[in-house]
Amino acid sequence: MTGSPRRRAAVLGHPIAHSKSPALHGAAYAALGIDMEYGSFDLTEAQLPAFASRVRSEPGWRGLSVTMPLKAAFVPLVDRLEGLAAELGVLNTVVVEDGQANPVLVGHNTDVAGIVESFRHVGLGRVGHPVVVGAGNTALAAVAALSQLGAEQVGFLVRDAARAGEAAALAERLGLAVSLGPIDGGAARLGAADAVVSTLPPRAADSLAAELAGLPATHDGAPRVLLDVAYDPWPSRLGQAWAERGGVLLHGLEMLVYQAVEQIVLFTGREDAREPRVIDVMCDSVGVPRRTA
């Protein structure tokens, strides 16, 4: 008699060799005593439909972590979107549910929780003057997170204002006042912000970093926090310039830890994945400071 198939999950993206998700998920499943295989698949958008069909046909699948450039491409392949994924139109998580006849693929977005918890971890539970650098898919999650943190306005620094429409429209739907400005020459706006999420790829913010480094440090005592989602190389030039001016710099891997925690809850139903003991071993697995440190 054959037993039940081993539970499986994986991270999808292109490229994917750099992904820290296998380390994060593996550490959490070991701490929770869960037998779960977690792999990685390098897939382009063109290859994604065939892989989604494979997940539907192979037993054992519990979930998928979805990274760039697949976060929007996977949306039409799921059976439904839930929560913030439906609001944003972008997912980073797919849960495989048992259906009556066939598995059901459900899209979620845990990037928002990753950003919110990263800020809360350093004591910034409410933001007043946030700035988002960039306007792509991660910027959508940043806007939703800043709204949850009490923002009433958000500024965007972008290379092309015409490409910021989706992020700006989301902010307006959430009741946030929106202002747009160019990245070039945007250092003063950045320096006046209390919370910044940089969503640009590595090195893409180097010119902004150089401008920021030329500004005098502020000494008004207000907390200023930058979350830079580009974590390789680390610190980024932008992050280094921010820290040299006395700001708090959040490693992009912190967001990755907290969004992975919510994925694990969705894949396994184990809410104790949110316990500090589990988060600590996840932090250890990728070399970021422990939550309880």
C-alpha atoms as a PDB file:
ATOM      1  CA  MET A   1       0.000   0.000   0.000  1.00  0.00           C
ATOM      2  CA  THR A   2       1.415   3.378  -0.989  1.00  0.00           C
ATOM      3  CA  GLY A   3       1.531   6.195   1.543  1.00  0.00           C
ATOM      4  CA  SER A   4       0.566   9.797   0.984  1.00  0.00           C
ATOM      5  CA  PRO A   5       2.961  11.762  -1.247  1.00  0.00           C
ATOM      6  CA  ARG A   6       5.490  13.940   0.506  1.00  0.00           C
ATOM      7  CA  ARG A   7       4.411  17.541   0.865  1.00  0.00           C
ATOM      8  CA  ARG A   8       6.127  19.907  -1.547  1.00  0.00           C
ATOM      9  CA  ALA A   9       6.602  23.625  -2.046  1.00  0.00           C
ATOM     10  CA  ALA A  10       9.016  25.729  -4.094  1.00  0.00           C
ATOM     11  CA  VAL A  11      10.111  29.210  -5.105  1.00  0.00           C
ATOM     12  CA  LEU A  12       9.724  30.277  -8.732  1.00  0.00           C
ATOM     13  CA  GLY A  13      11.472  33.103 -10.566  1.00  0.00           C
ATOM     14  CA  HIS A  14      14.082  34.071 -13.144  1.00  0.00           C
ATOM     15  CA  PRO A  15      16.888  34.097 -12.236  1.00  0.00           C
ATOM     16  CA  ILE A  16      16.461  32.106  -9.029  1.00  0.00           C
ATOM     17  CA  ALA A  17      19.903  30.789  -8.002  1.00  0.00           C
ATOM     18  CA  HIS A  18      20.357  33.710  -5.585  1.00  0.00           C
ATOM     19  CA  SER A  19      17.084  33.078  -3.738  1.00  0.00           C
ATOM     20  CA  LYS A  20      17.205  32.791   0.046  1.00  0.00           C
ATOM     21  CA  SER A  21      13.720  31.254   0.218  1.00  0.00           C
ATOM     22  CA  PRO A  22      14.918  27.613   0.373  1.00  0.00           C
ATOM     23  CA  ALA A  23      17.084  28.441   3.397  1.00  0.00           C
ATOM     24  CA  LEU A  24      14.274  30.347   5.130  1.00  0.00           C
ATOM     25  CA  HIS A  25      11.604  27.729   4.526  1.00  0.00           C
ATOM     26  CA  GLY A  26      13.928  24.828   5.304  1.00  0.00           C
ATOM     27  CA  ALA A  27      14.903  26.335   8.660  1.00  0.00           C
ATOM     28  CA  ALA A  28      11.266  26.972   9.580  1.00  0.00           C
ATOM     29  CA  TYR A  29      10.036  23.492   8.638  1.00  0.00           C
ATOM     30  CA  ALA A  30      12.845  21.910  10.670  1.00  0.00           C
ATOM     31  CA  ALA A  31      11.972  24.065  13.699  1.00  0.00           C
ATOM     32  CA  LEU A  32       8.286  23.159  13.354  1.00  0.00           C
ATOM     33  CA  GLY A  33       8.973  19.456  12.812  1.00  0.00           C
ATOM     34  CA  ILE A  34       7.278  19.480   9.392  1.00  0.00           C
ATOM     35  CA  ASP A  35       8.365  17.103   6.638  1.00  0.00           C
ATOM     36  CA  MET A  36       8.181  19.430   3.637  1.00  0.00           C
ATOM     37  CA  GLU A  37      10.362  19.405   0.536  1.00  0.00           C
ATOM     38  CA  TYR A  38      11.105  22.949  -0.658  1.00  0.00           C
ATOM     39  CA  GLY A  39      12.857  23.481  -3.981  1.00  0.00           C
ATOM     40  CA  SER A  40      13.464  26.182  -6.568  1.00  0.00           C
ATOM     41  CA  PHE A  41      12.594  26.459 -10.243  1.00  0.00           C
ATOM     42  CA  ASP A  42      14.068  28.926 -12.722  1.00  0.00           C
ATOM     43  CA  LEU A  43      11.111  29.805 -14.954  1.00  0.00           C
ATOM     44  CA  THR A  44      10.370  32.516 -17.473  1.00  0.00           C
ATOM     45  CA  GLU A  45       6.900  33.926 -17.997  1.00  0.00           C
ATOM     46  CA  ALA A  46       6.539  31.761 -21.111  1.00  0.00           C
ATOM     47  CA  GLN A  47       7.279  28.597 -19.101  1.00  0.00           C
ATOM     48  CA  LEU A  48       4.913  29.439 -16.261  1.00  0.00           C
ATOM     49  CA  PRO A  49       1.604  28.060 -17.656  1.00  0.00           C
ATOM     50  CA  ALA A  50       3.097  24.606 -18.181  1.00  0.00           C
ATOM     51  CA  PHE A  51       4.482  24.605 -14.647  1.00  0.00           C
ATOM     52  CA  ALA A  52       1.122  25.654 -13.194  1.00  0.00           C
ATOM     53  CA  SER A  53      -0.463  22.703 -15.012  1.00  0.00           C
ATOM     54  CA  ARG A  54       2.208  20.438 -13.563  1.00  0.00           C
ATOM     55  CA  VAL A  55       1.390  21.600 -10.040  1.00  0.00           C
ATOM     56  CA  ARG A  56      -2.266  20.826 -10.636  1.00  0.00           C
ATOM     57  CA  SER A  57      -1.473  17.295 -11.827  1.00  0.00           C
ATOM     58  CA  GLU A  58       1.262  16.226  -9.383  1.00  0.00           C
ATOM     59  CA  PRO A  59       0.240  15.120  -5.889  1.00  0.00           C
ATOM     60  CA  GLY A  60       1.811  16.615  -2.795  1.00  0.00           C
ATOM     61  CA  TRP A  61       2.055  20.285  -3.757  1.00  0.00           C
ATOM     62  CA  ARG A  62       1.111  22.687  -0.950  1.00  0.00           C
ATOM     63  CA  GLY A  63       2.316  26.037  -2.178  1.00  0.00           C
ATOM     64  CA  LEU A  64       4.590  28.233  -4.262  1.00  0.00           C
ATOM     65  CA  SER A  65       6.627  31.318  -3.463  1.00  0.00           C
ATOM     66  CA  VAL A  66       6.608  33.559  -6.528  1.00  0.00           C
ATOM     67  CA  THR A  67       9.256  36.162  -7.227  1.00  0.00           C
ATOM     68  CA  MET A  68      10.201  38.367 -10.166  1.00  0.00           C
ATOM     69  CA  PRO A  69       9.310  38.443 -12.985  1.00  0.00           C
ATOM     70  CA  LEU A  70       6.330  36.180 -12.300  1.00  0.00           C
ATOM     71  CA  LYS A  71       4.283  38.080  -9.699  1.00  0.00           C
ATOM     72  CA  ALA A  72       1.851  39.529 -12.216  1.00  0.00           C
ATOM     73  CA  ALA A  73       2.228  36.744 -14.793  1.00  0.00           C
ATOM     74  CA  PHE A  74       0.863  34.121 -12.391  1.00  0.00           C
ATOM     75  CA  VAL A  75      -2.331  36.068 -11.677  1.00  0.00           C
ATOM     76  CA  PRO A  76      -4.354  34.787 -14.684  1.00  0.00           C
ATOM     77  CA  LEU A  77      -3.258  31.208 -13.925  1.00  0.00           C
ATOM     78  CA  VAL A  78      -4.806  30.935 -10.463  1.00  0.00           C
ATOM     79  CA  ASP A  79      -8.419  30.045  -9.718  1.00  0.00           C
ATOM     80  CA  ARG A  80      -8.932  33.012  -7.447  1.00  0.00           C
ATOM     81  CA  LEU A  81      -7.102  35.813  -5.629  1.00  0.00           C
ATOM     82  CA  GLU A  82      -7.623  36.495  -1.953  1.00  0.00           C
ATOM     83  CA  GLY A  83      -7.081  39.520   0.246  1.00  0.00           C
ATOM     84  CA  LEU A  84      -4.349  41.901  -0.774  1.00  0.00           C
ATOM     85  CA  ALA A  85      -3.508  39.937  -3.915  1.00  0.00           C
ATOM     86  CA  ALA A  86      -6.970  40.775  -5.245  1.00  0.00           C
ATOM     87  CA  GLU A  87      -6.569  44.430  -4.287  1.00  0.00           C
ATOM     88  CA  LEU A  88      -3.077  44.795  -5.752  1.00  0.00           C
ATOM     89  CA  GLY A  89      -3.443  42.519  -8.766  1.00  0.00           C
ATOM     90  CA  VAL A  90      -0.050  41.051  -7.882  1.00  0.00           C
ATOM     91  CA  LEU A  91       0.740  37.883  -5.948  1.00  0.00           C
ATOM     92  CA  ASN A  92       3.863  36.432  -4.391  1.00  0.00           C
ATOM     93  CA  THR A  93       2.278  33.271  -2.987  1.00  0.00           C
ATOM     94  CA  VAL A  94       0.145  30.491  -4.435  1.00  0.00           C
ATOM     95  CA  VAL A  95      -1.585  28.039  -2.114  1.00  0.00           C
ATOM     96  CA  VAL A  96      -2.616  24.664  -3.517  1.00  0.00           C
ATOM     97  CA  GLU A  97      -5.956  23.728  -1.984  1.00  0.00           C
ATOM     98  CA  ASP A  98      -7.654  20.355  -2.304  1.00  0.00           C
ATOM     99  CA  GLY A  99     -10.676  20.776  -4.566  1.00  0.00           C
ATOM    100  CA  GLN A 100     -13.610  18.471  -5.174  1.00  0.00           C
ATOM    101  CA  ALA A 101     -12.045  17.059  -8.339  1.00  0.00           C
ATOM    102  CA  ASN A 102      -8.838  18.989  -8.991  1.00  0.00           C
ATOM    103  CA  PRO A 103      -6.448  21.105  -6.923  1.00  0.00           C
ATOM    104  CA  VAL A 104      -7.406  24.772  -6.626  1.00  0.00           C
ATOM    105  CA  LEU A 105      -4.690  27.436  -6.957  1.00  0.00           C
ATOM    106  CA  VAL A 106      -5.257  30.484  -4.757  1.00  0.00           C
ATOM    107  CA  GLY A 107      -3.150  33.628  -5.028  1.00  0.00           C
ATOM    108  CA  HIS A 108      -2.082  35.622  -1.956  1.00  0.00           C
ATOM    109  CA  ASN A 109       0.271  38.525  -1.300  1.00  0.00           C
ATOM    110  CA  THR A 110       2.484  38.319   1.798  1.00  0.00           C
ATOM    111  CA  ASP A 111       4.947  41.014   0.671  1.00  0.00           C
ATOM    112  CA  VAL A 112       2.781  43.599   2.423  1.00  0.00           C
ATOM    113  CA  ALA A 113       3.070  41.781   5.745  1.00  0.00           C
ATOM    114  CA  GLY A 114       6.820  41.492   5.177  1.00  0.00           C
ATOM    115  CA  ILE A 115       7.186  45.262   4.868  1.00  0.00           C
ATOM    116  CA  VAL A 116       4.848  46.070   7.768  1.00  0.00           C
ATOM    117  CA  GLU A 117       6.581  43.694  10.176  1.00  0.00           C
ATOM    118  CA  SER A 118      10.033  44.930   9.142  1.00  0.00           C
ATOM    119  CA  PHE A 119       9.117  48.485  10.152  1.00  0.00           C
ATOM    120  CA  ARG A 120       7.370  47.391  13.322  1.00  0.00           C
ATOM    121  CA  HIS A 121      10.403  45.347  14.334  1.00  0.00           C
ATOM    122  CA  VAL A 122      12.476  48.538  14.627  1.00  0.00           C
ATOM    123  CA  GLY A 123       9.741  50.362  16.523  1.00  0.00           C
ATOM    124  CA  LEU A 124       8.227  52.376  13.672  1.00  0.00           C
ATOM    125  CA  GLY A 125       4.587  51.451  14.086  1.00  0.00           C
ATOM    126  CA  ARG A 126       3.215  54.550  12.389  1.00  0.00           C
ATOM    127  CA  VAL A 127       4.561  56.609   9.485  1.00  0.00           C
ATOM    128  CA  GLY A 128       3.830  60.189   8.554  1.00  0.00           C
ATOM    129  CA  HIS A 129       5.976  61.180   5.572  1.00  0.00           C
ATOM    130  CA  PRO A 130       6.878  58.058   3.618  1.00  0.00           C
ATOM    131  CA  VAL A 131       8.574  57.829   0.239  1.00  0.00           C
ATOM    132  CA  VAL A 132       8.617  54.899  -2.176  1.00  0.00           C
ATOM    133  CA  VAL A 133      11.514  54.736  -4.617  1.00  0.00           C
ATOM    134  CA  GLY A 134      10.332  53.045  -7.818  1.00  0.00           C
ATOM    135  CA  ALA A 135       6.839  52.149  -9.009  1.00  0.00           C
ATOM    136  CA  GLY A 136       6.853  48.473 -10.014  1.00  0.00           C
ATOM    137  CA  ASN A 137       5.149  45.441  -8.464  1.00  0.00           C
ATOM    138  CA  THR A 138       7.001  45.721  -5.149  1.00  0.00           C
ATOM    139  CA  ALA A 139       5.986  49.381  -4.946  1.00  0.00           C
ATOM    140  CA  LEU A 140       2.355  48.260  -4.910  1.00  0.00           C
ATOM    141  CA  ALA A 141       3.046  46.161  -1.812  1.00  0.00           C
ATOM    142  CA  ALA A 142       4.941  49.071  -0.268  1.00  0.00           C
ATOM    143  CA  VAL A 143       1.975  51.413  -0.742  1.00  0.00           C
ATOM    144  CA  ALA A 144      -0.413  48.935   0.891  1.00  0.00           C
ATOM    145  CA  ALA A 145       2.008  48.423   3.778  1.00  0.00           C
ATOM    146  CA  LEU A 146       2.472  52.143   4.374  1.00  0.00           C
ATOM    147  CA  SER A 147      -1.298  52.554   4.392  1.00  0.00           C
ATOM    148  CA  GLN A 148      -1.521  49.875   7.088  1.00  0.00           C
ATOM    149  CA  LEU A 149       1.118  51.793   9.041  1.00  0.00           C
ATOM    150  CA  GLY A 150      -1.116  54.851   9.145  1.00  0.00           C
ATOM    151  CA  ALA A 151       0.244  56.922   6.278  1.00  0.00           C
ATOM    152  CA  GLU A 152      -2.067  59.596   4.904  1.00  0.00           C
ATOM    153  CA  GLN A 153       0.242  60.558   2.063  1.00  0.00           C
ATOM    154  CA  VAL A 154       3.016  58.984   0.017  1.00  0.00           C
ATOM    155  CA  GLY A 155       5.677  60.399  -2.247  1.00  0.00           C
ATOM    156  CA  PHE A 156       7.125  58.495  -5.184  1.00  0.00           C
ATOM    157  CA  LEU A 157      10.569  58.972  -6.683  1.00  0.00           C
ATOM    158  CA  VAL A 158      10.535  57.501 -10.177  1.00  0.00           C
ATOM    159  CA  ARG A 159      12.498  57.591 -13.413  1.00  0.00           C
ATOM    160  CA  ASP A 160       9.385  57.802 -15.578  1.00  0.00           C
ATOM    161  CA  ALA A 161       6.218  59.353 -14.158  1.00  0.00           C
ATOM    162  CA  ALA A 162       4.153  57.736 -16.910  1.00  0.00           C
ATOM    163  CA  ARG A 163       4.979  54.290 -15.491  1.00  0.00           C
ATOM    164  CA  ALA A 164       3.908  55.195 -11.961  1.00  0.00           C
ATOM    165  CA  GLY A 165       0.195  55.227 -12.736  1.00  0.00           C
ATOM    166  CA  GLU A 166      -0.690  51.876 -11.205  1.00  0.00           C
ATOM    167  CA  ALA A 167       1.099  52.535  -7.907  1.00  0.00           C
ATOM    168  CA  ALA A 168      -0.275  56.079  -7.685  1.00  0.00           C
ATOM    169  CA  ALA A 169      -3.801  54.877  -8.454  1.00  0.00           C
ATOM    170  CA  LEU A 170      -3.561  52.262  -5.700  1.00  0.00           C
ATOM    171  CA  ALA A 171      -2.426  54.902  -3.212  1.00  0.00           C
ATOM    172  CA  GLU A 172      -5.358  57.108  -4.136  1.00  0.00           C
ATOM    173  CA  ARG A 173      -7.803  54.179  -3.769  1.00  0.00           C
ATOM    174  CA  LEU A 174      -6.410  53.651  -0.286  1.00  0.00           C
ATOM    175  CA  GLY A 175      -7.046  57.301   0.557  1.00  0.00           C
ATOM    176  CA  LEU A 176      -3.439  58.509   0.396  1.00  0.00           C
ATOM    177  CA  ALA A 177      -2.449  61.853  -1.074  1.00  0.00           C
ATOM    178  CA  VAL A 178       0.098  61.271  -3.829  1.00  0.00           C
ATOM    179  CA  SER A 179       3.094  63.277  -5.021  1.00  0.00           C
ATOM    180  CA  LEU A 180       5.471  62.275  -7.797  1.00  0.00           C
ATOM    181  CA  GLY A 181       9.021  63.392  -8.316  1.00  0.00           C
ATOM    182  CA  PRO A 182      12.042  62.331 -10.364  1.00  0.00           C
ATOM    183  CA  ILE A 183      14.750  60.165  -8.854  1.00  0.00           C
ATOM    184  CA  ASP A 184      17.382  62.567 -10.156  1.00  0.00           C
ATOM    185  CA  GLY A 185      17.360  65.471  -7.758  1.00  0.00           C
ATOM    186  CA  GLY A 186      15.142  63.604  -5.276  1.00  0.00           C
ATOM    187  CA  ALA A 187      17.590  63.340  -2.388  1.00  0.00           C
ATOM    188  CA  ALA A 188      16.096  66.246  -0.441  1.00  0.00           C
ATOM    189  CA  ARG A 189      12.658  64.597  -0.465  1.00  0.00           C
ATOM    190  CA  LEU A 190      14.259  61.344   0.596  1.00  0.00           C
ATOM    191  CA  GLY A 191      16.117  63.011   3.438  1.00  0.00           C
ATOM    192  CA  ALA A 192      12.912  64.543   4.804  1.00  0.00           C
ATOM    193  CA  ALA A 193      11.032  61.225   4.914  1.00  0.00           C
ATOM    194  CA  ASP A 194      10.486  59.235   8.086  1.00  0.00           C
ATOM    195  CA  ALA A 195      10.025  55.944   6.198  1.00  0.00           C
ATOM    196  CA  VAL A 196      11.434  54.950   2.812  1.00  0.00           C
ATOM    197  CA  VAL A 197      10.981  51.771   0.817  1.00  0.00           C
ATOM    198  CA  SER A 198      13.429  51.457  -2.061  1.00  0.00           C
ATOM    199  CA  THR A 199      12.091  48.909  -4.547  1.00  0.00           C
ATOM    200  CA  LEU A 200      14.778  49.378  -7.194  1.00  0.00           C
ATOM    201  CA  PRO A 201      17.113  46.603  -8.379  1.00  0.00           C
ATOM    202  CA  PRO A 202      20.731  46.549  -7.134  1.00  0.00           C
ATOM    203  CA  ARG A 203      22.778  49.600  -8.162  1.00  0.00           C
ATOM    204  CA  ALA A 204      19.772  51.312  -9.740  1.00  0.00           C
ATOM    205  CA  ALA A 205      19.675  53.884  -6.921  1.00  0.00           C
ATOM    206  CA  ASP A 206      23.403  54.707  -6.951  1.00  0.00           C
ATOM    207  CA  SER A 207      22.892  58.202  -8.377  1.00  0.00           C
ATOM    208  CA  LEU A 208      20.329  58.947  -5.665  1.00  0.00           C
ATOM    209  CA  ALA A 209      22.776  57.650  -3.067  1.00  0.00           C
ATOM    210  CA  ALA A 210      25.451  60.039  -4.280  1.00  0.00           C
ATOM    211  CA  GLU A 211      23.035  62.966  -3.964  1.00  0.00           C
ATOM    212  CA  LEU A 212      21.946  61.873  -0.504  1.00  0.00           C
ATOM    213  CA  ALA A 213      25.539  61.577   0.682  1.00  0.00           C
ATOM    214  CA  GLY A 214      26.031  65.236  -0.217  1.00  0.00           C
ATOM    215  CA  LEU A 215      23.261  66.447   2.083  1.00  0.00           C
ATOM    216  CA  PRO A 216      23.947  67.436   5.699  1.00  0.00           C
ATOM    217  CA  ALA A 217      22.807  64.967   8.334  1.00  0.00           C
ATOM    218  CA  THR A 218      19.591  65.773  10.185  1.00  0.00           C
ATOM    219  CA  HIS A 219      19.593  66.029  13.966  1.00  0.00           C
ATOM    220  CA  ASP A 220      15.934  66.624  14.799  1.00  0.00           C
ATOM    221  CA  GLY A 221      15.604  63.331  16.692  1.00  0.00           C
ATOM    222  CA  ALA A 222      12.850  61.978  14.443  1.00  0.00           C
ATOM    223  CA  PRO A 223      13.116  58.282  13.578  1.00  0.00           C
ATOM    224  CA  ARG A 224      14.062  57.711   9.943  1.00  0.00           C
ATOM    225  CA  VAL A 225      13.978  54.206   8.514  1.00  0.00           C
ATOM    226  CA  LEU A 226      14.947  52.905   5.063  1.00  0.00           C
ATOM    227  CA  LEU A 227      13.966  49.432   3.891  1.00  0.00           C
ATOM    228  CA  ASP A 228      16.010  48.550   0.816  1.00  0.00           C
ATOM    229  CA  VAL A 229      14.539  45.449  -0.808  1.00  0.00           C
ATOM    230  CA  ALA A 230      17.672  44.935  -2.949  1.00  0.00           C
ATOM    231  CA  TYR A 231      19.838  42.881  -0.603  1.00  0.00           C
ATOM    232  CA  ASP A 232      22.711  41.838  -2.861  1.00  0.00           C
ATOM    233  CA  PRO A 233      25.210  43.485  -2.683  1.00  0.00           C
ATOM    234  CA  TRP A 234      24.710  44.697   0.878  1.00  0.00           C
ATOM    235  CA  PRO A 235      24.720  47.366   1.994  1.00  0.00           C
ATOM    236  CA  SER A 236      23.648  49.152  -1.160  1.00  0.00           C
ATOM    237  CA  ARG A 237      25.157  52.559  -1.801  1.00  0.00           C
ATOM    238  CA  LEU A 238      21.795  54.083  -0.971  1.00  0.00           C
ATOM    239  CA  GLY A 239      21.629  52.186   2.305  1.00  0.00           C
ATOM    240  CA  GLN A 240      25.167  53.174   3.201  1.00  0.00           C
ATOM    241  CA  ALA A 241      24.467  56.850   2.529  1.00  0.00           C
ATOM    242  CA  TRP A 242      21.282  56.626   4.604  1.00  0.00           C
ATOM    243  CA  ALA A 243      23.080  55.039   7.565  1.00  0.00           C
ATOM    244  CA  GLU A 244      25.932  57.560   7.406  1.00  0.00           C
ATOM    245  CA  ARG A 245      23.347  60.325   7.867  1.00  0.00           C
ATOM    246  CA  GLY A 246      22.130  58.651  11.068  1.00  0.00           C
ATOM    247  CA  GLY A 247      19.129  56.792   9.686  1.00  0.00           C
ATOM    248  CA  VAL A 248      18.065  53.237  10.513  1.00  0.00           C
ATOM    249  CA  LEU A 249      18.779  50.822   7.669  1.00  0.00           C
ATOM    250  CA  LEU A 250      16.641  47.712   7.266  1.00  0.00           C
ATOM    251  CA  HIS A 251      18.127  44.808   5.354  1.00  0.00           C
ATOM    252  CA  GLY A 252      15.966  43.631   2.460  1.00  0.00           C
ATOM    253  CA  LEU A 253      16.238  40.125   3.889  1.00  0.00           C
ATOM    254  CA  GLU A 254      14.131  41.243   6.861  1.00  0.00           C
ATOM    255  CA  MET A 255      11.176  41.733   4.543  1.00  0.00           C
ATOM    256  CA  LEU A 256      11.940  38.339   3.012  1.00  0.00           C
ATOM    257  CA  VAL A 257      11.867  36.668   6.447  1.00  0.00           C
ATOM    258  CA  TYR A 258       8.511  38.101   7.447  1.00  0.00           C
ATOM    259  CA  GLN A 259       6.801  37.467   4.121  1.00  0.00           C
ATOM    260  CA  ALA A 260       8.088  33.880   4.248  1.00  0.00           C
ATOM    261  CA  VAL A 261       6.588  33.432   7.723  1.00  0.00           C
ATOM    262  CA  GLU A 262       3.142  34.211   6.337  1.00  0.00           C
ATOM    263  CA  GLN A 263       3.715  31.856   3.408  1.00  0.00           C
ATOM    264  CA  ILE A 264       4.551  29.049   5.814  1.00  0.00           C
ATOM    265  CA  VAL A 265       1.351  29.684   7.756  1.00  0.00           C
ATOM    266  CA  LEU A 266      -0.601  29.482   4.498  1.00  0.00           C
ATOM    267  CA  PHE A 267       1.181  26.338   3.260  1.00  0.00           C
ATOM    268  CA  THR A 268       0.932  24.407   6.547  1.00  0.00           C
ATOM    269  CA  GLY A 269      -1.829  25.939   8.666  1.00  0.00           C
ATOM    270  CA  ARG A 270       0.710  26.262  11.500  1.00  0.00           C
ATOM    271  CA  GLU A 271       0.187  29.665  13.072  1.00  0.00           C
ATOM    272  CA  ASP A 272       3.019  28.953  15.497  1.00  0.00           C
ATOM    273  CA  ALA A 273       5.316  29.731  12.559  1.00  0.00           C
ATOM    274  CA  ARG A 274       4.927  33.333  13.737  1.00  0.00           C
ATOM    275  CA  GLU A 275       6.541  32.548  17.100  1.00  0.00           C
ATOM    276  CA  PRO A 276       9.911  34.204  17.809  1.00  0.00           C
ATOM    277  CA  ARG A 277      11.647  30.810  18.152  1.00  0.00           C
ATOM    278  CA  VAL A 278      10.827  30.035  14.520  1.00  0.00           C
ATOM    279  CA  ILE A 279      11.583  33.526  13.226  1.00  0.00           C
ATOM    280  CA  ASP A 280      14.938  33.446  15.019  1.00  0.00           C
ATOM    281  CA  VAL A 281      16.132  30.301  13.237  1.00  0.00           C
ATOM    282  CA  MET A 282      14.928  31.763   9.939  1.00  0.00           C
ATOM    283  CA  CYS A 283      16.961  34.903  10.605  1.00  0.00           C
ATOM    284  CA  ASP A 284      19.978  32.739  11.461  1.00  0.00           C
ATOM    285  CA  SER A 285      19.614  30.870   8.155  1.00  0.00           C
ATOM    286  CA  VAL A 286      20.188  34.031   6.109  1.00  0.00           C
ATOM    287  CA  GLY A 287      22.427  35.988   8.487  1.00  0.00           C
ATOM    288  CA  VAL A 288      20.152  38.778   9.688  1.00  0.00           C
ATOM    289  CA  PRO A 289      19.810  39.786  13.353  1.00  0.00           C
ATOM    290  CA  ARG A 290      17.418  37.725  15.431  1.00  0.00           C
ATOM    291  CA  ARG A 291      14.047  39.184  16.298  1.00  0.00           C
ATOM    292  CA  THR A 292      14.682  38.573  19.988  1.00  0.00           C
ATOM    293  CA  ALA A 293      18.263  39.858  19.952  1.00  0.00           C
END
